[in-house]
Protein backbone atom coordinates (compact mmCIF):
# COMPACT_ATOMS: atom_id res chain seq x y z
CA MET A 1 18.17 48.28 -65.78
CA LYS A 2 16.63 46.57 -62.75
CA GLU A 3 13.15 47.21 -64.14
CA LYS A 4 14.17 45.72 -67.48
CA THR A 5 15.57 42.60 -65.79
CA SER A 6 12.45 42.33 -63.63
CA LEU A 7 10.22 42.48 -66.70
CA LYS A 8 12.31 39.82 -68.42
CA ASN A 9 12.22 37.49 -65.40
CA LYS A 10 8.50 38.05 -64.94
CA ALA A 11 7.86 37.29 -68.60
CA ILE A 12 9.95 34.09 -68.61
CA CYS A 13 8.43 32.87 -65.34
CA GLY A 14 4.96 33.73 -66.61
CA ILE A 15 5.52 31.95 -69.91
CA PHE A 16 6.81 28.84 -68.11
CA TRP A 17 3.83 28.51 -65.77
CA SER A 18 1.39 29.56 -68.46
CA ALA A 19 2.84 26.77 -70.61
CA VAL A 20 2.49 24.31 -67.73
CA GLU A 21 -1.11 25.39 -67.21
CA ARG A 22 -2.08 25.23 -70.87
CA PHE A 23 -0.35 21.98 -71.78
CA LEU A 24 -1.26 20.14 -68.59
CA SER A 25 -4.96 20.97 -68.83
CA GLN A 26 -5.20 20.89 -72.62
CA GLY A 27 -2.98 17.82 -72.75
CA ILE A 28 -5.26 15.97 -70.35
CA GLN A 29 -8.34 17.11 -72.27
CA PHE A 30 -6.70 15.98 -75.50
CA VAL A 31 -5.94 12.52 -74.10
CA VAL A 32 -9.45 12.31 -72.64
CA THR A 33 -10.95 13.23 -76.01
CA VAL A 34 -8.87 10.58 -77.75
CA ILE A 35 -10.03 7.90 -75.29
CA MET A 36 -13.66 9.03 -75.42
CA ALA A 37 -13.57 9.07 -79.24
CA ARG A 38 -13.06 5.30 -79.12
CA PHE A 39 -16.42 4.90 -77.34
CA LEU A 40 -18.38 7.73 -78.97
CA LEU A 41 -19.49 8.37 -82.54
CA PRO A 42 -18.51 11.30 -84.79
CA SER A 43 -22.17 12.39 -84.63
CA ASP A 44 -21.93 12.77 -80.82
CA TYR A 45 -19.10 15.26 -81.23
CA GLY A 46 -20.99 16.84 -84.10
CA MET A 47 -24.02 17.63 -81.91
CA VAL A 48 -21.87 19.29 -79.25
CA GLY A 49 -19.97 21.09 -82.01
CA MET A 50 -23.25 22.57 -83.24
CA LEU A 51 -23.66 24.30 -79.88
CA ALA A 52 -20.10 25.65 -79.72
CA ILE A 53 -21.11 29.01 -81.16
CA VAL A 54 -23.89 29.39 -78.56
CA LEU A 55 -21.51 28.76 -75.65
CA GLN A 56 -18.61 30.83 -76.97
CA LEU A 57 -20.81 33.76 -77.98
CA SER A 58 -22.46 33.67 -74.55
CA GLN A 59 -19.04 33.71 -72.87
CA THR A 60 -18.02 36.73 -74.93
CA LEU A 61 -21.21 38.64 -74.09
CA MET A 62 -20.92 37.76 -70.41
CA ASP A 63 -17.34 39.03 -70.18
CA SER A 64 -18.10 42.09 -72.36
CA GLY A 65 -14.42 43.01 -72.62
CA PHE A 66 -14.13 43.74 -68.89
CA THR A 67 -11.27 41.27 -68.37
CA ASN A 68 -9.02 43.07 -70.84
CA ALA A 69 -10.14 46.43 -69.48
CA LEU A 70 -9.17 45.44 -65.92
CA ILE A 71 -5.78 44.10 -67.04
CA ARG A 72 -4.95 47.28 -68.93
CA TYR A 73 -6.32 49.76 -66.34
CA LYS A 74 -3.49 50.43 -63.87
CA GLU A 75 -5.60 52.20 -61.21
CA ARG A 76 -8.03 49.31 -60.73
CA THR A 77 -9.67 48.93 -57.28
CA GLU A 78 -11.69 46.32 -55.39
CA ILE A 79 -14.78 48.29 -56.34
CA ASP A 80 -13.92 47.71 -60.01
CA TYR A 81 -13.47 43.98 -59.44
CA SER A 82 -16.74 43.67 -57.52
CA THR A 83 -18.69 45.65 -60.09
CA VAL A 84 -17.52 43.41 -62.91
CA PHE A 85 -18.10 40.28 -60.80
CA PHE A 86 -21.78 41.06 -60.22
CA PHE A 87 -22.26 42.17 -63.82
CA ASN A 88 -20.85 38.84 -65.04
CA ILE A 89 -23.25 36.83 -62.88
CA LEU A 90 -26.29 38.91 -63.88
CA ALA A 91 -25.34 38.73 -67.56
CA SER A 92 -24.83 34.95 -67.39
CA LEU A 93 -28.29 34.42 -65.88
CA VAL A 94 -29.98 36.58 -68.52
CA ILE A 95 -28.10 34.78 -71.29
CA TYR A 96 -28.92 31.34 -69.87
CA PHE A 97 -32.66 31.98 -69.70
CA LEU A 98 -32.57 33.40 -73.22
CA ILE A 99 -30.85 30.23 -74.49
CA PHE A 100 -33.29 28.07 -72.50
CA PHE A 101 -36.26 29.52 -74.39
CA LEU A 102 -34.43 29.53 -77.74
CA ALA A 103 -33.39 25.85 -77.49
CA PRO A 104 -36.34 24.54 -79.58
CA TYR A 105 -35.42 26.92 -82.40
CA ILE A 106 -31.78 25.79 -82.30
CA SER A 107 -33.01 22.20 -82.53
CA TRP A 108 -35.30 23.12 -85.45
CA PHE A 109 -32.44 24.83 -87.31
CA TYR A 110 -30.28 21.70 -87.25
CA LYS A 111 -33.28 19.33 -87.48
CA ILE A 112 -32.09 17.29 -84.47
CA GLY A 113 -34.74 16.92 -81.73
CA GLN A 114 -32.27 15.83 -79.03
CA LEU A 115 -30.58 19.25 -79.16
CA VAL A 116 -33.33 20.85 -77.04
CA GLU A 117 -32.35 19.02 -73.85
CA ILE A 118 -28.64 19.11 -74.67
CA THR A 119 -28.72 22.89 -75.20
CA ARG A 120 -30.60 23.62 -71.98
CA ILE A 121 -28.38 21.46 -69.78
CA LEU A 122 -25.01 22.21 -71.40
CA SER A 123 -25.66 25.97 -71.19
CA ILE A 124 -25.60 25.82 -67.38
CA VAL A 125 -21.81 26.02 -67.75
CA ILE A 126 -22.24 29.68 -68.78
CA VAL A 127 -23.53 30.55 -65.30
CA LEU A 128 -20.77 28.51 -63.66
CA ASN A 129 -18.07 30.28 -65.68
CA SER A 130 -19.26 33.71 -64.54
CA PHE A 131 -18.10 33.02 -60.96
CA ALA A 132 -14.52 32.28 -62.06
CA ILE A 133 -13.80 35.28 -64.31
CA ILE A 134 -12.61 37.77 -61.66
CA PRO A 135 -10.44 35.34 -59.62
CA LYS A 136 -8.77 34.28 -62.87
CA THR A 137 -8.34 37.91 -63.98
CA LYS A 138 -6.63 38.81 -60.70
CA LEU A 139 -4.17 35.95 -61.19
CA ILE A 140 -3.47 37.03 -64.79
CA ILE A 141 -2.73 40.58 -63.62
CA ALA A 142 -0.34 39.18 -61.01
CA VAL A 143 1.23 36.99 -63.75
CA ASP A 144 0.46 34.05 -61.42
CA PHE A 145 -0.01 31.19 -63.84
CA LYS A 146 1.25 28.65 -61.32
CA THR A 147 -2.02 28.78 -59.39
CA GLN A 148 -3.98 28.68 -62.64
CA SER A 149 -2.08 25.55 -63.65
CA LYS A 150 -3.20 23.81 -60.44
CA VAL A 151 -6.83 24.73 -61.05
CA SER A 152 -6.85 23.68 -64.70
CA PHE A 153 -4.98 20.43 -64.06
CA ILE A 154 -7.24 19.20 -61.26
CA ALA A 155 -10.45 20.22 -63.07
CA ALA A 156 -9.37 18.64 -66.37
CA LEU A 157 -8.23 15.41 -64.71
CA VAL A 158 -11.32 14.82 -62.56
CA SER A 159 -13.83 15.85 -65.24
CA GLY A 160 -11.92 13.78 -67.80
CA ILE A 161 -12.13 10.63 -65.68
CA ILE A 162 -15.87 11.17 -65.23
CA GLY A 163 -16.30 11.77 -68.97
CA ILE A 164 -14.43 8.58 -69.90
CA TRP A 165 -16.43 6.58 -67.36
CA ALA A 166 -19.72 7.93 -68.78
CA ALA A 167 -18.62 7.22 -72.37
CA TYR A 168 -17.64 3.67 -71.41
CA LEU A 169 -21.10 3.14 -69.89
CA ASP A 170 -22.58 4.16 -73.26
CA PHE A 171 -24.03 7.53 -72.21
CA GLY A 172 -23.21 8.82 -75.69
CA VAL A 173 -23.36 12.58 -76.16
CA TRP A 174 -24.29 13.05 -72.48
CA ALA A 175 -20.79 11.95 -71.52
CA LEU A 176 -19.48 15.09 -73.26
CA VAL A 177 -22.12 17.26 -71.60
CA GLY A 178 -21.36 15.86 -68.14
CA GLN A 179 -17.62 16.31 -68.60
CA THR A 180 -18.10 19.98 -69.54
CA LEU A 181 -20.35 20.74 -66.56
CA VAL A 182 -18.11 18.98 -64.02
CA ASN A 183 -15.08 20.84 -65.39
CA GLY A 184 -16.88 24.20 -65.06
CA LEU A 185 -18.03 23.47 -61.50
CA LEU A 186 -14.58 22.34 -60.35
CA ILE A 187 -12.92 25.44 -61.82
CA VAL A 188 -15.25 27.69 -59.79
CA VAL A 189 -14.64 25.76 -56.56
CA LEU A 190 -10.87 25.59 -57.05
CA TYR A 191 -10.48 29.29 -57.89
CA ALA A 192 -12.49 30.14 -54.78
CA TYR A 193 -10.18 27.91 -52.72
CA PHE A 194 -6.84 29.08 -54.13
CA CYS A 195 -7.59 32.75 -54.77
CA ARG A 196 -9.46 33.47 -51.51
CA TRP A 197 -11.05 36.56 -53.07
CA LYS A 198 -14.39 37.85 -51.84
CA PRO A 199 -16.35 40.60 -53.61
CA LEU A 200 -17.54 43.75 -51.93
CA TRP A 201 -21.31 44.03 -51.89
CA ILE A 202 -21.25 47.01 -54.21
CA PHE A 203 -21.97 47.87 -57.84
CA SER A 204 -20.49 51.15 -59.04
CA LEU A 205 -22.00 52.76 -62.13
CA LYS A 206 -18.95 55.01 -62.37
CA SER A 207 -16.64 52.00 -62.45
CA PHE A 208 -18.92 50.20 -64.89
CA ARG A 209 -18.95 53.13 -67.35
CA LEU A 210 -15.18 53.59 -67.13
CA LEU A 211 -14.38 49.95 -67.89
CA PHE A 212 -17.18 49.55 -70.41
CA ALA A 213 -15.87 52.49 -72.45
CA PHE A 214 -12.84 50.37 -73.31
CA GLY A 215 -14.39 46.92 -73.11
CA SER A 216 -17.46 47.63 -75.27
CA LYS A 217 -15.38 47.94 -78.42
CA LEU A 218 -13.49 44.77 -77.52
CA VAL A 219 -16.69 42.80 -77.00
CA LEU A 220 -17.95 43.78 -80.45
CA ALA A 221 -14.63 42.70 -81.95
CA ASN A 222 -14.74 39.45 -79.96
CA ILE A 223 -18.32 38.77 -81.06
CA LEU A 224 -17.29 39.10 -84.69
CA ASN A 225 -14.32 36.81 -84.10
CA THR A 226 -16.45 34.22 -82.28
CA LEU A 227 -19.09 34.27 -85.01
CA TYR A 228 -16.43 33.73 -87.65
CA LYS A 229 -14.69 30.90 -85.77
CA ASN A 230 -17.98 29.03 -85.45
CA LEU A 231 -19.50 29.97 -88.79
CA TYR A 232 -17.83 27.00 -90.45
CA ALA A 233 -19.33 24.61 -87.91
CA ILE A 234 -22.78 26.12 -88.50
CA VAL A 235 -22.51 25.79 -92.28
CA ILE A 236 -21.10 22.24 -92.14
CA GLY A 237 -23.70 21.14 -89.58
CA LYS A 238 -26.53 22.63 -91.64
CA LYS A 239 -25.40 21.85 -95.21
CA PHE A 240 -23.64 18.52 -94.68
CA SER A 241 -24.12 16.15 -91.70
CA SER A 242 -23.30 15.72 -88.02
CA VAL A 243 -20.73 13.06 -89.04
CA ASP A 244 -18.96 15.53 -91.35
CA LEU A 245 -19.07 18.11 -88.57
CA GLY A 246 -17.58 15.52 -86.21
CA PHE A 247 -14.64 15.05 -88.60
CA TYR A 248 -14.21 18.81 -88.91
CA THR A 249 -14.30 19.49 -85.15
CA ARG A 250 -11.77 16.73 -84.44
CA ALA A 251 -9.47 18.07 -87.18
CA GLU A 252 -9.86 21.54 -85.69
CA GLN A 253 -9.03 20.26 -82.22
CA PHE A 254 -5.86 18.51 -83.38
CA ALA A 255 -4.74 21.46 -85.54
CA GLN A 256 -5.28 24.11 -82.91
CA PHE A 257 -3.74 22.17 -80.01
CA PRO A 258 -0.09 23.22 -80.52
CA SER A 259 -0.67 26.60 -82.17
CA TYR A 260 -3.59 27.89 -80.11
CA ASN A 261 -2.09 26.83 -76.81
CA LEU A 262 1.34 28.30 -77.51
CA SER A 263 -0.32 31.45 -78.87
CA ALA A 264 -2.53 31.67 -75.79
CA ILE A 265 0.49 31.23 -73.52
CA ILE A 266 2.34 34.06 -75.26
CA SER A 267 -0.70 36.36 -75.43
CA ARG A 268 -1.73 35.88 -71.80
CA VAL A 269 1.76 36.69 -70.56
CA THR A 270 2.66 39.43 -73.05
CA TYR A 271 -0.50 41.47 -72.57
CA PRO A 272 0.11 42.39 -68.91
CA ILE A 273 3.87 42.71 -69.56
CA LEU A 274 3.47 44.96 -72.60
CA SER A 275 0.91 47.03 -70.69
CA LEU A 276 3.68 47.99 -68.24
CA VAL A 277 5.69 49.66 -71.05
CA GLN A 278 2.76 50.93 -73.13
CA ASN A 279 4.16 54.48 -73.27
CA ASP A 280 7.69 53.50 -74.38
CA ASN A 281 7.47 52.64 -78.09
CA ASP A 282 11.10 51.54 -78.38
CA ARG A 283 10.83 48.97 -75.57
CA LEU A 284 7.37 47.98 -76.75
CA SER A 285 8.68 47.32 -80.26
CA ALA A 286 11.71 45.38 -78.98
CA LEU A 287 9.59 43.17 -76.70
CA TYR A 288 7.01 42.61 -79.44
CA ARG A 289 9.63 41.52 -81.99
CA LYS A 290 11.19 39.14 -79.48
CA TYR A 291 7.84 37.51 -78.69
CA VAL A 292 7.09 37.12 -82.41
CA ARG A 293 10.49 35.54 -83.14
CA LEU A 294 10.35 33.09 -80.25
CA SER A 295 6.73 32.05 -80.75
CA SER A 296 7.28 31.53 -84.50
CA ALA A 297 10.42 29.48 -83.83
CA PHE A 298 8.31 26.99 -81.83
CA ILE A 299 4.96 27.09 -83.64
CA PHE A 300 6.13 26.79 -87.27
CA PRO A 301 8.04 23.49 -86.84
CA LEU A 302 5.32 22.01 -84.63
CA MET A 303 2.61 22.69 -87.21
CA ILE A 304 4.74 21.39 -90.09
CA LEU A 305 5.50 18.23 -88.08
CA LEU A 306 1.79 17.74 -87.39
CA ILE A 307 1.08 17.92 -91.13
CA VAL A 308 3.73 15.27 -91.77
CA ILE A 309 2.55 12.79 -89.12
CA ALA A 310 -1.20 13.50 -89.47
CA GLN A 311 -2.21 10.14 -90.96
CA PRO A 312 -0.36 7.80 -88.57
CA LEU A 313 -1.42 10.02 -85.65
CA VAL A 314 -5.13 9.85 -86.51
CA LEU A 315 -5.02 6.11 -87.20
CA LEU A 316 -3.21 5.42 -83.92
CA LEU A 317 -5.25 7.66 -81.65
CA LEU A 318 -8.71 7.72 -83.21
CA THR A 319 -8.76 4.48 -85.27
CA GLU A 320 -9.82 3.91 -88.88
CA LYS A 321 -13.36 5.27 -88.42
CA TRP A 322 -11.88 8.80 -88.12
CA ILE A 323 -9.74 8.63 -91.30
CA GLY A 324 -11.80 11.49 -92.76
CA VAL A 325 -10.03 13.80 -90.30
CA VAL A 326 -6.57 13.51 -91.94
CA VAL A 327 -6.87 15.80 -94.98
CA LEU A 328 -8.84 18.41 -93.04
CA LEU A 329 -6.23 18.33 -90.27
CA GLN A 330 -3.35 18.90 -92.67
CA ILE A 331 -5.05 21.91 -94.27
CA LEU A 332 -6.14 23.45 -90.96
CA CYS A 333 -2.56 23.20 -89.67
CA LEU A 334 -1.63 25.76 -92.34
CA ASP A 335 -4.42 28.01 -91.09
CA TRP A 336 -3.46 27.81 -87.40
CA MET A 337 0.24 28.20 -88.20
CA PHE A 338 -0.12 31.98 -88.43
CA ASP A 339 -2.70 32.57 -85.69
CA HIS A 340 -0.10 33.64 -83.11
CA LEU A 341 0.98 36.56 -85.32
CA SER A 342 -2.55 37.95 -85.37
CA SER A 343 -2.95 37.46 -81.60
CA ILE A 344 0.24 39.30 -80.66
CA ASN A 345 -0.53 42.14 -83.09
CA LEU A 346 -3.99 42.55 -81.55
CA ASN A 347 -2.41 42.67 -78.09
CA LEU A 348 -0.50 45.76 -79.19
CA LEU A 349 -3.75 47.50 -80.12
CA TYR A 350 -5.20 46.66 -76.70
CA VAL A 351 -2.03 47.79 -74.91
CA LYS A 352 -2.17 51.12 -76.73
CA GLY A 353 -5.80 51.54 -75.73
CA ARG A 354 -6.93 51.44 -79.36
CA SER A 355 -9.92 49.15 -78.97
CA ASP A 356 -11.56 51.28 -81.69
CA LEU A 357 -8.90 50.13 -84.16
CA ALA A 358 -9.33 46.54 -82.99
CA LEU A 359 -13.07 46.77 -83.70
CA ARG A 360 -12.52 48.36 -87.12
CA LEU A 361 -9.97 45.68 -87.95
CA GLU A 362 -12.30 42.84 -86.96
CA VAL A 363 -15.14 44.28 -89.05
CA ILE A 364 -12.92 44.49 -92.15
CA LYS A 365 -11.46 41.02 -91.62
CA LYS A 366 -14.77 39.30 -90.95
CA VAL A 367 -16.43 40.84 -94.01
CA LEU A 368 -13.59 39.40 -96.09
CA ALA A 369 -13.77 36.08 -94.22
CA THR A 370 -17.50 35.71 -94.83
CA GLY A 371 -17.01 36.40 -98.53
CA ILE A 372 -14.27 33.75 -98.73
CA LEU A 373 -16.49 31.24 -96.89
CA LEU A 374 -19.46 31.80 -99.23
CA LEU A 375 -17.24 31.41 -102.29
CA SER A 376 -15.68 28.20 -100.96
CA ILE A 377 -18.88 26.32 -99.99
CA PRO A 378 -19.42 24.82 -103.49
CA TRP A 379 -15.99 23.18 -103.18
CA GLY A 380 -17.07 21.17 -100.14
CA ILE A 381 -15.46 20.96 -96.70
CA VAL A 382 -11.94 20.65 -98.14
CA GLY A 383 -12.44 23.81 -100.20
CA MET A 384 -13.79 25.63 -97.13
CA CYS A 385 -10.68 24.69 -95.17
CA TRP A 386 -8.44 26.07 -97.93
CA GLY A 387 -10.50 29.25 -97.74
CA ARG A 388 -9.55 29.50 -94.08
CA VAL A 389 -5.87 29.32 -95.00
CA MET A 390 -6.32 32.17 -97.48
CA TYR A 391 -8.10 34.29 -94.87
CA SER A 392 -5.41 33.59 -92.27
CA LEU A 393 -2.72 35.08 -94.52
CA ILE A 394 -4.86 38.14 -95.29
CA ALA A 395 -5.53 38.62 -91.55
CA VAL A 396 -1.80 38.66 -90.76
CA TYR A 397 -1.23 41.36 -93.38
CA LEU A 398 -4.07 43.54 -92.07
CA ASN A 399 -2.99 43.14 -88.43
CA THR A 400 0.61 44.11 -89.18
CA TYR A 401 -0.58 47.12 -91.19
CA TYR A 402 -2.23 48.59 -88.10
CA THR A 403 0.75 47.70 -85.91
CA GLU A 404 3.01 49.70 -88.21
CA SER A 405 0.87 52.80 -87.70
CA LEU A 406 1.21 52.54 -83.91
CA ILE A 407 4.87 51.68 -83.27
CA LYS A 408 6.43 52.23 -86.71
CA LEU A 409 7.23 48.55 -87.18
CA SER A 410 6.92 47.73 -90.88
CA LEU A 411 5.54 44.52 -92.37
CA ILE A 412 8.88 43.85 -94.10
CA ARG A 413 10.73 44.10 -90.79
CA GLN A 414 8.26 41.73 -89.14
CA MET A 415 8.61 39.27 -92.02
CA ARG A 416 12.38 39.30 -91.56
CA ASP A 417 11.83 38.22 -87.96
CA ILE A 418 9.72 35.16 -88.85
CA LEU A 419 10.95 33.99 -92.27
CA PRO A 420 14.12 32.23 -90.99
CA SER A 421 12.17 29.87 -88.72
CA PHE A 422 9.46 29.42 -91.38
CA PHE A 423 11.82 28.30 -94.15
CA LEU A 424 13.86 26.11 -91.80
CA ALA A 425 10.62 24.46 -90.63
CA LEU A 426 9.68 23.74 -94.26
CA ILE A 427 13.07 22.09 -94.88
CA MET A 428 12.64 20.09 -91.67
CA GLY A 429 9.18 18.99 -92.81
CA GLY A 430 10.44 17.83 -96.20
CA GLY A 431 13.26 15.81 -94.66
CA THR A 432 10.99 14.25 -92.05
CA TRP A 433 8.32 13.36 -94.62
CA TYR A 434 10.89 11.53 -96.75
CA MET A 435 12.15 9.53 -93.74
CA ILE A 436 8.61 8.57 -92.66
CA LEU A 437 7.95 7.09 -96.11
CA LEU A 438 10.72 4.58 -95.37
CA LEU A 439 9.17 3.49 -92.05
CA GLU A 440 6.28 1.15 -91.22
CA GLY A 441 3.85 1.21 -88.31
CA GLU A 442 2.09 4.25 -86.87
CA ILE A 443 4.00 4.34 -83.57
CA VAL A 444 7.38 4.04 -85.30
CA GLN A 445 6.47 6.74 -87.83
CA ILE A 446 5.31 9.16 -85.12
CA VAL A 447 8.15 8.62 -82.63
CA VAL A 448 11.04 8.35 -85.09
CA GLY A 449 9.60 11.12 -87.26
CA SER A 450 9.32 13.47 -84.27
CA VAL A 451 12.89 12.75 -83.13
CA ILE A 452 14.25 13.29 -86.64
CA ALA A 453 12.29 16.55 -86.93
CA LEU A 454 13.63 17.85 -83.60
CA LEU A 455 17.25 17.02 -84.41
CA LEU A 456 17.00 18.34 -87.97
CA TYR A 457 15.33 21.61 -86.96
CA GLY A 458 17.78 22.20 -84.11
CA THR A 459 20.73 21.57 -86.44
CA LEU A 460 19.32 23.90 -89.11
CA LEU A 461 18.75 26.64 -86.54
CA TYR A 462 22.28 26.29 -85.20
CA CYS A 463 23.85 26.38 -88.67
CA PHE A 464 21.74 28.98 -90.47
CA SER A 465 20.14 31.15 -87.76
CA ARG A 466 22.58 31.14 -84.86
CA SER A 467 21.21 34.31 -83.24
CA LEU A 468 17.72 32.78 -83.01
CA PHE A 469 19.18 29.52 -81.70
CA ASP A 470 21.06 31.43 -78.98
CA GLU A 471 17.90 33.38 -78.10
CA ILE A 472 15.89 30.17 -77.68
CA TRP A 473 18.68 28.50 -75.71
CA ALA A 474 18.92 31.50 -73.36
CA VAL A 475 15.20 31.25 -72.58
CA ILE A 476 15.49 27.49 -71.94
CA LEU A 477 18.41 28.02 -69.55
CA LYS A 478 16.51 30.79 -67.76
CA ILE A 479 13.50 28.53 -67.25
CA LYS A 480 15.71 25.69 -65.92
CA ARG A 481 17.09 28.01 -63.26
């Protein structure tokens, strides 16, 4: 009983500080982006967006699944940490020099000469990130998101101020590059200061092989996922224009802000917690269902609300020149609405040590995703975004299919856990949309619409799903204590 209470308290505390960390840092970055967008052009964001796949793929290769392997492996030692630390640095240097020499070819592919210098300088952040992976991993294992929140907040604030200053001085795309590099450098320095961890001067092949056996399958799955996430940006940047890509990347940023951050909060906390009960299927199933219910109860209404207030929000924050973002944002909200379900399901595969299933699942999903993308290209960017929504629903089905085979939790049972909050969120969205039509002015529509949505959703939960309302209220009270 004590262990169960301890797990519950650790989870709630972890979720609270993980939420603080995510929304403080991401919130600051979001505000910074909004301010910088007033000084920069869509094409500036488009050029950086073209390099997103290079940076994210490099990060995946550098980590090579070792972070997840360390979190799951209960008998980890300082030798394990040090081995991974030195591997990360070596891998980052190799990757950086590879990108340095490939920069002209990246520039040729997009037919933008300026990308050579941008690629070579922006990619320095890959090397910087390698120094922060192990300190951050140790804090995740300890479920210490309070320290991580300090690091992220300070780094985001300082780098954001520098980025805004550079954009104001008309540095253009280099303001975005400088902001990214300063953020990466500050994160390394701050983790070194707060974590106080020093590596042993040792590299163990035994430790490397042990962790790589699990992590290698994860890195392949993560590579496929990274390629897919950035495939749309590649196609849009190549087939359309940097302005169109700028609209798409801004729509993606707005759409993923609530869903991705809440999903990341849940995933980062649940993975180490679920790992503690990996051999008890009953407790694992109960915890999993609770996380799915609670995350859905928050994410569904937030995404529906974002769809409803998309136009006044874009006009207020980004101005008229970004109006092309609105339709894309509304469609992508439907895509990101279900992302948390896939993330939590994948966590179960990792917890059970089935990285082989995770890899198989990613291969199947990404083959389907690529087919959907190719079929949707003739319909333009809007059609491609609808293709993402279709894939998102298919991915949820496939993820839950594998979950059922591991802990005997059927798709129907999982749907029963999320459908109440989904349907109530739809009703909330319809009511809020109608009220917004009666209002004038972007600020009034956003503020009043959000208040109406909150009150309406809370009332609907209380009246039609009392058990879920009580569950949410219990978590809120626990956090307040």
